[in-house]
Protein backbone atom coordinates (compact mmCIF):
# COMPACT_ATOMS: atom_id res chain seq x y z
CA MET A 1 -135.47 9.22 103.34
CA GLN A 2 -137.71 10.72 100.67
CA ARG A 3 -139.17 14.11 101.48
CA ARG A 4 -142.84 14.77 100.94
CA ARG A 5 -143.85 17.93 99.14
CA ILE A 6 -146.65 19.27 101.32
CA ASP A 7 -148.91 22.04 100.12
CA SER A 8 -148.53 25.25 102.10
CA ARG A 9 -152.27 25.44 102.76
CA GLY A 10 -151.99 23.16 105.73
CA SER A 11 -152.05 19.37 105.39
CA ALA A 12 -148.87 19.08 107.45
CA THR A 13 -148.96 18.39 111.17
CA ALA A 14 -146.71 19.85 113.87
CA LEU A 15 -144.84 16.53 113.82
CA ASP A 16 -144.27 16.86 110.05
CA VAL A 17 -142.71 20.28 110.56
CA ALA A 18 -140.59 19.09 113.51
CA GLN A 19 -139.30 16.13 111.50
CA ALA A 20 -138.48 18.42 108.58
CA VAL A 21 -136.51 20.71 110.91
CA VAL A 22 -134.52 17.74 112.24
CA GLU A 23 -133.76 16.61 108.68
CA VAL A 24 -132.37 20.05 107.82
CA LEU A 25 -130.26 20.43 110.99
CA SER A 26 -128.90 16.87 110.77
CA GLY A 27 -127.86 17.33 107.15
CA ARG A 28 -130.11 14.52 105.90
CA ALA A 29 -132.21 16.96 103.87
CA GLY A 30 -129.15 18.28 102.04
CA VAL A 31 -130.54 21.83 102.04
CA ALA A 32 -130.82 24.93 104.19
CA ALA A 33 -134.21 26.28 105.21
CA ALA A 34 -136.11 29.18 106.73
CA LEU A 35 -138.45 28.44 109.62
CA ALA A 36 -141.33 30.85 110.22
CA THR A 37 -143.13 30.72 113.59
CA VAL A 38 -146.18 32.71 114.68
CA ILE A 39 -145.04 34.40 117.89
CA ASP A 40 -147.94 36.79 118.52
CA ARG A 41 -151.49 37.43 117.34
CA SER A 42 -154.41 39.56 118.34
CA GLY A 43 -158.03 39.62 117.26
CA SER A 44 -159.15 37.35 114.45
CA ALA A 45 -156.19 35.65 112.74
CA PRO A 46 -155.87 32.55 110.56
CA GLN A 47 -153.37 30.73 112.78
CA VAL A 48 -152.47 30.31 116.45
CA VAL A 49 -149.23 31.22 118.22
CA GLY A 50 -146.73 28.44 117.56
CA ALA A 51 -147.90 27.62 114.02
CA ARG A 52 -144.94 27.04 111.73
CA LEU A 53 -143.94 27.06 108.10
CA LEU A 54 -140.64 25.63 106.87
CA VAL A 55 -139.40 26.75 103.44
CA ARG A 56 -136.39 24.88 102.05
CA ASP A 57 -133.94 26.44 99.64
CA ASP A 58 -135.05 24.00 96.93
CA GLY A 59 -138.49 25.65 97.05
CA SER A 60 -140.37 22.88 98.87
CA GLN A 61 -142.17 23.66 102.11
CA VAL A 62 -143.93 22.10 105.08
CA GLY A 63 -146.62 23.63 107.30
CA THR A 64 -148.49 26.92 107.23
CA VAL A 65 -148.84 30.22 109.08
CA GLY A 66 -152.35 30.81 107.81
CA GLY A 67 -152.50 31.06 104.04
CA GLY A 68 -153.53 34.00 101.91
CA ALA A 69 -151.72 37.34 101.90
CA ILE A 70 -150.00 36.84 105.27
CA GLU A 71 -148.50 33.55 104.12
CA ALA A 72 -147.32 35.13 100.88
CA GLN A 73 -145.59 37.90 102.86
CA VAL A 74 -143.99 35.33 105.18
CA GLN A 75 -142.84 33.25 102.20
CA ASP A 76 -141.16 36.36 100.78
CA ALA A 77 -139.43 36.85 104.14
CA CYS A 78 -138.33 33.21 104.12
CA ARG A 79 -136.76 33.62 100.70
CA ALA A 80 -134.96 36.75 101.91
CA VAL A 81 -133.64 34.84 104.94
CA LEU A 82 -132.39 32.08 102.66
CA ARG A 83 -130.53 34.66 100.58
CA ASP A 84 -128.75 36.49 103.39
CA GLY A 85 -128.94 34.11 106.39
CA ARG A 86 -130.37 36.84 108.64
CA SER A 87 -133.41 36.23 110.82
CA ARG A 88 -136.22 38.77 110.72
CA ARG A 89 -139.74 39.52 111.96
CA VAL A 90 -142.88 39.96 109.88
CA GLN A 91 -145.58 42.13 111.49
CA ALA A 92 -148.86 42.85 109.76
CA HIS A 93 -152.37 44.07 110.48
CA LEU A 94 -154.38 41.68 108.36
CA VAL A 95 -156.99 44.22 107.21
CA ARG A 96 -155.08 47.51 107.07
CA ASP A 97 -151.81 46.11 105.67
CA LEU A 98 -152.90 43.07 103.68
CA GLY A 99 -156.56 43.55 102.90
CA MET A 100 -157.53 40.22 104.43
CA CYS A 101 -161.01 39.70 105.87
CA CYS A 102 -159.59 38.71 109.27
CA GLY A 103 -159.69 41.64 111.64
CA GLY A 104 -156.61 40.93 113.73
CA SER A 105 -152.84 41.16 113.47
CA MET A 106 -149.96 38.69 113.46
CA GLU A 107 -146.25 38.68 114.17
CA VAL A 108 -144.07 35.96 112.69
CA PHE A 109 -140.41 35.26 113.42
CA VAL A 110 -138.39 33.83 110.52
CA GLU A 111 -135.06 32.17 111.30
CA PHE A 112 -132.33 30.64 109.16
CA LEU A 113 -131.65 26.91 109.55
CA GLN A 114 -128.66 25.12 108.12
CA PRO A 115 -127.07 21.73 108.77
CA GLU A 116 -124.55 21.50 111.57
CA PRO A 117 -121.17 21.55 109.78
CA ARG A 118 -119.27 18.29 109.92
CA LEU A 119 -115.95 18.31 111.74
CA PHE A 120 -113.56 15.39 111.29
CA VAL A 121 -110.87 15.17 113.97
CA ILE A 122 -107.97 12.90 113.06
CA GLY A 123 -106.25 11.96 116.28
CA ALA A 124 -107.65 11.28 119.76
CA GLY A 125 -104.90 12.62 122.03
CA HIS A 126 -105.06 15.25 124.75
CA VAL A 127 -105.85 18.17 122.46
CA SER A 128 -108.68 16.25 120.81
CA GLN A 129 -110.08 15.25 124.19
CA ALA A 130 -110.32 18.93 125.13
CA LEU A 131 -111.43 20.07 121.67
CA VAL A 132 -114.31 17.72 120.88
CA PRO A 133 -116.70 18.82 123.69
CA LEU A 134 -116.04 22.47 122.83
CA ALA A 135 -116.66 21.87 119.12
CA ARG A 136 -119.92 20.05 119.87
CA ALA A 137 -121.07 22.90 122.10
CA ALA A 138 -120.26 25.32 119.25
CA GLY A 139 -122.57 23.44 116.89
CA PHE A 140 -120.28 21.10 114.97
CA ARG A 141 -121.18 17.49 114.16
CA VAL A 142 -117.96 15.75 115.19
CA SER A 143 -116.34 12.47 114.15
CA VAL A 144 -113.04 11.29 115.67
CA PHE A 145 -110.55 8.83 114.19
CA ASP A 146 -107.56 7.16 115.81
CA ASP A 147 -106.09 3.66 115.63
CA ARG A 148 -105.85 3.41 119.44
CA ASP A 149 -109.01 2.01 121.02
CA GLU A 150 -107.92 3.03 124.50
CA PHE A 151 -107.85 6.69 123.45
CA LEU A 152 -111.22 6.49 121.70
CA ASP A 153 -112.71 5.15 124.96
CA HIS A 154 -112.12 8.55 126.59
CA PRO A 155 -115.37 10.10 127.94
CA ALA A 156 -114.90 13.15 125.69
CA PHE A 157 -115.82 10.99 122.70
CA ALA A 158 -118.80 9.17 124.22
CA GLU A 159 -121.39 11.36 122.47
CA VAL A 160 -119.74 11.58 119.03
CA HIS A 161 -119.02 9.18 116.22
CA HIS A 162 -115.59 7.62 116.64
CA ASP A 163 -113.81 4.95 114.67
CA ALA A 164 -110.57 3.01 115.18
CA ARG A 165 -108.71 3.87 111.99
CA ASP A 166 -105.11 4.76 111.26
CA VAL A 167 -104.30 7.62 108.90
CA ASP A 168 -104.06 5.48 105.75
CA GLU A 169 -107.46 3.93 106.47
CA ILE A 170 -109.08 7.28 107.21
CA ILE A 171 -108.32 8.45 103.70
CA ASP A 172 -110.64 5.74 102.35
CA VAL A 173 -113.31 6.31 104.99
CA LEU A 174 -113.62 10.03 104.24
CA ASP A 175 -114.84 9.45 100.70
CA ASP A 176 -117.78 11.86 100.78
CA LEU A 177 -116.10 15.09 101.85
CA GLY A 178 -117.78 18.25 100.63
CA ASP A 179 -116.96 21.94 100.36
CA GLY A 180 -118.59 22.65 103.73
CA ASP A 181 -116.60 20.14 105.79
CA TYR A 182 -114.00 20.96 108.46
CA ILE A 183 -110.99 18.70 109.10
CA ILE A 184 -108.46 18.88 111.92
CA VAL A 185 -105.23 16.86 111.85
CA VAL A 186 -103.86 16.29 115.35
CA THR A 187 -102.28 12.83 115.28
CA ARG A 188 -99.54 11.60 117.60
CA ASP A 189 -96.57 12.07 115.24
CA HIS A 190 -95.35 14.26 112.41
CA ALA A 191 -95.28 11.49 109.79
CA ARG A 192 -98.97 10.73 110.28
CA ASP A 193 -99.84 14.42 110.20
CA GLU A 194 -97.95 14.82 106.94
CA ARG A 195 -99.58 11.80 105.30
CA ALA A 196 -103.04 12.99 106.29
CA LEU A 197 -102.44 16.56 105.16
CA THR A 198 -100.92 15.45 101.83
CA GLU A 199 -103.98 13.40 100.92
CA LEU A 200 -106.73 15.54 102.41
CA MET A 201 -105.57 18.78 100.83
CA ARG A 202 -106.62 17.25 97.49
CA ARG A 203 -110.11 16.47 98.76
CA PRO A 204 -113.05 18.89 98.97
CA HIS A 205 -113.18 20.81 102.26
CA ARG A 206 -113.92 24.21 103.72
CA TYR A 207 -111.24 24.13 106.36
CA LEU A 208 -108.24 21.84 106.79
CA GLY A 209 -105.98 22.48 109.76
CA MET A 210 -102.86 20.79 111.12
CA ILE A 211 -101.38 21.23 114.57
CA GLY A 212 -97.68 21.87 115.03
CA SER A 213 -94.90 24.33 115.69
CA ARG A 214 -93.98 26.85 113.03
CA ARG A 215 -90.81 24.87 112.34
CA LYS A 216 -92.74 21.64 111.83
CA VAL A 217 -95.33 23.28 109.60
CA ILE A 218 -92.74 24.92 107.36
CA ALA A 219 -90.85 21.64 106.97
CA VAL A 220 -93.99 19.64 106.21
CA LEU A 221 -95.35 22.13 103.68
CA ARG A 222 -92.01 22.41 101.90
CA ARG A 223 -91.84 18.63 101.53
CA ILE A 224 -95.40 18.47 100.25
CA VAL A 225 -94.85 21.25 97.71
CA HIS A 226 -91.59 19.63 96.56
CA ARG A 227 -93.28 16.25 96.03
CA GLU A 228 -96.16 17.84 94.14
CA ARG A 229 -93.78 19.62 91.79
CA GLU A 230 -91.65 16.50 91.31
CA SER A 231 -94.74 14.46 90.43
CA GLY A 232 -95.73 16.90 87.70
CA ARG A 233 -99.22 17.33 89.16
CA PRO A 234 -100.84 20.77 89.22
CA MET A 235 -100.21 22.38 92.59
CA THR A 236 -103.10 21.91 94.99
CA ASP A 237 -104.88 25.01 96.28
CA LEU A 238 -103.55 25.65 99.80
CA SER A 239 -105.69 28.72 100.52
CA ARG A 240 -108.03 26.84 102.88
CA VAL A 241 -105.26 25.02 104.74
CA ARG A 242 -104.51 26.37 108.24
CA ALA A 243 -101.19 25.45 109.81
CA PRO A 244 -100.34 25.97 112.58
CA ILE A 245 -103.98 25.63 113.49
CA GLY A 246 -105.82 28.00 115.83
CA LEU A 247 -105.83 31.67 116.78
CA ALA A 248 -102.83 33.25 118.53
CA LEU A 249 -104.21 33.30 122.08
CA GLY A 250 -100.88 32.48 123.73
CA GLY A 251 -102.06 29.37 125.59
CA ARG A 252 -100.03 26.17 125.74
CA THR A 253 -102.08 23.58 127.63
CA PRO A 254 -104.33 21.14 125.70
CA VAL A 255 -107.45 23.02 126.83
CA GLU A 256 -106.00 26.40 125.83
CA ILE A 257 -104.93 25.04 122.45
CA ALA A 258 -108.38 23.52 121.95
CA ILE A 259 -110.02 26.86 122.72
CA SER A 260 -107.83 28.60 120.13
CA ILE A 261 -108.73 25.98 117.50
CA VAL A 262 -112.48 26.12 118.13
CA ALA A 263 -112.31 29.92 118.11
CA GLU A 264 -110.80 29.75 114.63
CA LEU A 265 -113.48 27.29 113.50
CA VAL A 266 -116.22 29.62 114.72
CA ALA A 267 -114.57 32.63 113.08
CA ASP A 268 -114.36 30.77 109.78
CA ARG A 269 -117.95 29.55 110.01
CA HIS A 270 -119.39 33.02 110.64
CA GLY A 271 -116.89 35.15 108.74
CA GLY A 272 -115.34 36.70 111.84
CA SER A 273 -111.84 38.14 111.96
CA GLY A 274 -110.81 36.82 115.36
CA ALA A 275 -109.81 40.34 116.40
CA SER A 276 -110.65 41.80 119.79
CA MET A 277 -113.99 43.64 120.00
CA ASN A 278 -112.70 45.96 122.75
CA LEU A 279 -113.77 49.59 122.23
CA VAL A 280 -112.31 51.09 125.40
CA GLN A 281 -109.05 52.35 123.91
CA GLN A 282 -110.88 53.92 120.97
CA LEU A 283 -113.34 55.59 123.34
CA LEU A 284 -110.51 56.96 125.48
CA ALA A 285 -108.69 58.26 122.41
CA ASP A 286 -111.83 59.98 121.08
CA ASP A 287 -112.85 61.41 124.44
CA PRO A 288 -110.05 61.44 127.08
CA ASP A 289 -112.47 62.81 129.66
CA THR A 290 -114.69 59.71 129.51
């Protein structure tokens, strides 16, 4: 779909802005964006509450929050949001602060929009069945692959893309992986896991994780490293590979394992450490009388 470049002075409709937002969040636009929304106004102001301006990180924009000095200030805020990913408010008295002829004031909320990250789950067993709904709720766009149709028919996969493919076929299907993509390898046997990991570690990705015990992971990685060295190929960067996958929460059931995996995905996406946020022990140490 070809995007229209719409002048910021206001030829776009509310539907144009809404469609542009959907394109960004779905990944079809291929860019991130900042969305500015008028959330309050008083007196005479150039736009109503709910008016919106979308500024993409390629510089194009859709909609308006009123034009003139207030729009220029909001555009600056949009560019700042695109740089640091942090939402912010713009508040201005149009005469006193901006020298506009309108006599009122406006408040505009500017939020960061980015495409839902893609998550490819290879394997449709019990862990995947618990994991996929959690990952969707956490904002990932999920695709599931397995060669067993009866597993793909599970209700957990009803709302996501799923395809009956074995590991060797998946390698060809995932031909457009990018640096922002997440991949989880949770097939039904070690050989399939190893084949998938061997091939996918050479492809672009942000996060590549494989399930398994510590013993399995060590054995698999040693075999992969040995084969890479024997082939004479440069060693693939393993810094983004996670194995065993998930945070150390101590759980053992499929649901508990799925929670630990999604927690690690969220931590990676937002730059979190996965550490406890508990302050009670520190407070007690600083002030025992608390």
